[in-house]
Amino acid sequence: MNNRLLLFKRGCTGCLQYLKVLPKINLRLPLDKRIKMINCSEFEEFGLKTHPIMDRFNSKDFQSYPLLYLDGILVVGVAWSEQLNIFLETYLKGDFLY
């Protein structure tokens, strides 16, 4: 399983900050290092599990959106897109292709 995931849902204003930044970050990463973005709206609304990670949704770790999982570290909560970009640039700098 990918060790870099973003769990988000439609209508989440905090999630929009992440969705602005992550596509640009992912373009600079090798395919196997990219952050997979998982839309959890169907799970929240209809209970449809569209990704295997959703089997863990009963745990206390998954109570708010957005949730960013990076190599074993949970980043929960909202940051401004500028703050998020600085954090990701710093954390992932060794993985960037350019």
C-alpha atoms as a PDB file:
ATOM      1  CA  MET A   1       0.000   0.000   0.000  1.00  0.00           C
ATOM      2  CA  ASN A   2       1.086   3.560  -0.711  1.00  0.00           C
ATOM      3  CA  ASN A   3       2.638   5.179   2.353  1.00  0.00           C
ATOM      4  CA  ARG A   4       1.546   8.645   1.269  1.00  0.00           C
ATOM      5  CA  LEU A   5      -2.163   9.333   1.266  1.00  0.00           C
ATOM      6  CA  LEU A   6      -4.518  12.292   1.478  1.00  0.00           C
ATOM      7  CA  LEU A   7      -8.049  11.526   2.624  1.00  0.00           C
ATOM      8  CA  PHE A   8     -10.510  14.280   1.724  1.00  0.00           C
ATOM      9  CA  LYS A   9     -14.199  14.800   1.044  1.00  0.00           C
ATOM     10  CA  ARG A  10     -16.290  17.086  -1.119  1.00  0.00           C
ATOM     11  CA  GLY A  11     -17.488  20.247   0.544  1.00  0.00           C
ATOM     12  CA  CYS A  12     -14.649  20.309   3.071  1.00  0.00           C
ATOM     13  CA  THR A  13     -13.196  23.812   2.983  1.00  0.00           C
ATOM     14  CA  GLY A  14      -9.957  22.685   4.625  1.00  0.00           C
ATOM     15  CA  CYS A  15      -9.539  19.970   2.015  1.00  0.00           C
ATOM     16  CA  LEU A  16      -9.485  22.606  -0.719  1.00  0.00           C
ATOM     17  CA  GLN A  17      -6.178  23.928   0.620  1.00  0.00           C
ATOM     18  CA  TYR A  18      -4.614  20.484   0.192  1.00  0.00           C
ATOM     19  CA  LEU A  19      -6.178  19.960  -3.229  1.00  0.00           C
ATOM     20  CA  LYS A  20      -4.593  23.222  -4.431  1.00  0.00           C
ATOM     21  CA  VAL A  21      -1.076  22.204  -3.384  1.00  0.00           C
ATOM     22  CA  LEU A  22      -0.790  18.421  -3.838  1.00  0.00           C
ATOM     23  CA  PRO A  23      -1.127  18.167  -7.633  1.00  0.00           C
ATOM     24  CA  LYS A  24       1.825  20.548  -8.046  1.00  0.00           C
ATOM     25  CA  ILE A  25       3.890  18.664  -5.465  1.00  0.00           C
ATOM     26  CA  ASN A  26       3.049  15.284  -7.021  1.00  0.00           C
ATOM     27  CA  LEU A  27       4.285  16.408 -10.442  1.00  0.00           C
ATOM     28  CA  ARG A  28       7.775  16.774  -8.980  1.00  0.00           C
ATOM     29  CA  LEU A  29       7.823  13.332  -7.345  1.00  0.00           C
ATOM     30  CA  PRO A  30       8.597   9.927  -8.877  1.00  0.00           C
ATOM     31  CA  LEU A  31       5.463   7.833  -9.432  1.00  0.00           C
ATOM     32  CA  ASP A  32       6.166   5.553  -6.474  1.00  0.00           C
ATOM     33  CA  LYS A  33       6.639   8.524  -4.095  1.00  0.00           C
ATOM     34  CA  ARG A  34       3.519  10.499  -4.991  1.00  0.00           C
ATOM     35  CA  ILE A  35       0.761  11.262  -2.516  1.00  0.00           C
ATOM     36  CA  LYS A  36      -2.400   9.369  -3.463  1.00  0.00           C
ATOM     37  CA  MET A  37      -5.520  11.509  -3.076  1.00  0.00           C
ATOM     38  CA  ILE A  38      -8.554   9.538  -1.916  1.00  0.00           C
ATOM     39  CA  ASN A  39     -12.021  11.067  -2.088  1.00  0.00           C
ATOM     40  CA  CYS A  40     -13.955   9.787   0.933  1.00  0.00           C
ATOM     41  CA  SER A  41     -17.269  11.420   0.040  1.00  0.00           C
ATOM     42  CA  GLU A  42     -18.880   8.155  -1.061  1.00  0.00           C
ATOM     43  CA  PHE A  43     -17.761   6.506   2.160  1.00  0.00           C
ATOM     44  CA  GLU A  44     -19.130   9.333   4.305  1.00  0.00           C
ATOM     45  CA  GLU A  45     -22.453   9.552   2.458  1.00  0.00           C
ATOM     46  CA  PHE A  46     -23.179   5.956   1.468  1.00  0.00           C
ATOM     47  CA  GLY A  47     -20.716   3.745   3.346  1.00  0.00           C
ATOM     48  CA  LEU A  48     -19.017   2.736   0.070  1.00  0.00           C
ATOM     49  CA  LYS A  49     -15.403   1.728   0.596  1.00  0.00           C
ATOM     50  CA  THR A  50     -13.568   2.834  -2.517  1.00  0.00           C
ATOM     51  CA  HIS A  51     -10.061   2.175  -1.155  1.00  0.00           C
ATOM     52  CA  PRO A  52      -8.604  -0.515   1.160  1.00  0.00           C
ATOM     53  CA  ILE A  53      -7.520   2.126   3.712  1.00  0.00           C
ATOM     54  CA  MET A  54     -11.178   2.661   4.495  1.00  0.00           C
ATOM     55  CA  ASP A  55     -11.251  -0.665   6.325  1.00  0.00           C
ATOM     56  CA  ARG A  56      -9.438   1.203   9.102  1.00  0.00           C
ATOM     57  CA  PHE A  57     -12.041   3.946   9.333  1.00  0.00           C
ATOM     58  CA  ASN A  58     -13.390   2.628  12.632  1.00  0.00           C
ATOM     59  CA  SER A  59     -10.194   3.679  14.379  1.00  0.00           C
ATOM     60  CA  LYS A  60      -9.850   6.979  16.197  1.00  0.00           C
ATOM     61  CA  ASP A  61      -7.301   8.167  13.624  1.00  0.00           C
ATOM     62  CA  PHE A  62      -9.949   8.900  11.026  1.00  0.00           C
ATOM     63  CA  GLN A  63     -12.301  11.431  12.568  1.00  0.00           C
ATOM     64  CA  SER A  64     -11.669  14.598  10.600  1.00  0.00           C
ATOM     65  CA  TYR A  65     -10.747  15.808   7.148  1.00  0.00           C
ATOM     66  CA  PRO A  66      -8.358  16.453   5.598  1.00  0.00           C
ATOM     67  CA  LEU A  67      -6.045  13.711   6.801  1.00  0.00           C
ATOM     68  CA  LEU A  68      -2.572  13.431   5.338  1.00  0.00           C
ATOM     69  CA  TYR A  69      -0.572  10.257   5.947  1.00  0.00           C
ATOM     70  CA  LEU A  70       3.113  10.570   5.076  1.00  0.00           C
ATOM     71  CA  ASP A  71       5.395   7.613   5.638  1.00  0.00           C
ATOM     72  CA  GLY A  72       3.818   6.684   8.979  1.00  0.00           C
ATOM     73  CA  ILE A  73       3.130  10.243  10.158  1.00  0.00           C
ATOM     74  CA  LEU A  74      -0.452  11.508  10.464  1.00  0.00           C
ATOM     75  CA  VAL A  75      -0.986  15.165   9.656  1.00  0.00           C
ATOM     76  CA  VAL A  76      -4.502  16.101  10.730  1.00  0.00           C
ATOM     77  CA  GLY A  77      -6.111  19.471  10.336  1.00  0.00           C
ATOM     78  CA  VAL A  78      -6.024  22.429   8.062  1.00  0.00           C
ATOM     79  CA  ALA A  79      -3.139  24.588   7.004  1.00  0.00           C
ATOM     80  CA  TRP A  80      -3.138  27.453   4.557  1.00  0.00           C
ATOM     81  CA  SER A  81      -1.928  26.414   1.141  1.00  0.00           C
ATOM     82  CA  GLU A  82       1.289  28.422   1.606  1.00  0.00           C
ATOM     83  CA  GLN A  83       2.058  26.700   4.933  1.00  0.00           C
ATOM     84  CA  LEU A  84       1.263  23.298   3.475  1.00  0.00           C
ATOM     85  CA  ASN A  85       3.479  23.936   0.477  1.00  0.00           C
ATOM     86  CA  ILE A  86       6.416  24.918   2.735  1.00  0.00           C
ATOM     87  CA  PHE A  87       5.902  21.835   4.914  1.00  0.00           C
ATOM     88  CA  LEU A  88       5.731  19.447   1.950  1.00  0.00           C
ATOM     89  CA  GLU A  89       8.660  21.088   0.142  1.00  0.00           C
ATOM     90  CA  THR A  90      10.775  20.632   3.276  1.00  0.00           C
ATOM     91  CA  TYR A  91       9.595  17.117   4.145  1.00  0.00           C
ATOM     92  CA  LEU A  92       9.833  15.737   0.603  1.00  0.00           C
ATOM     93  CA  LYS A  93      12.902  17.653  -0.650  1.00  0.00           C
ATOM     94  CA  GLY A  94      15.013  14.496  -0.905  1.00  0.00           C
ATOM     95  CA  ASP A  95      12.422  12.836  -3.157  1.00  0.00           C
ATOM     96  CA  PHE A  96      11.895  15.595  -5.733  1.00  0.00           C
ATOM     97  CA  LEU A  97      13.008  14.919  -9.294  1.00  0.00           C
ATOM     98  CA  TYR A  98      13.584  18.645  -9.942  1.00  0.00           C
END
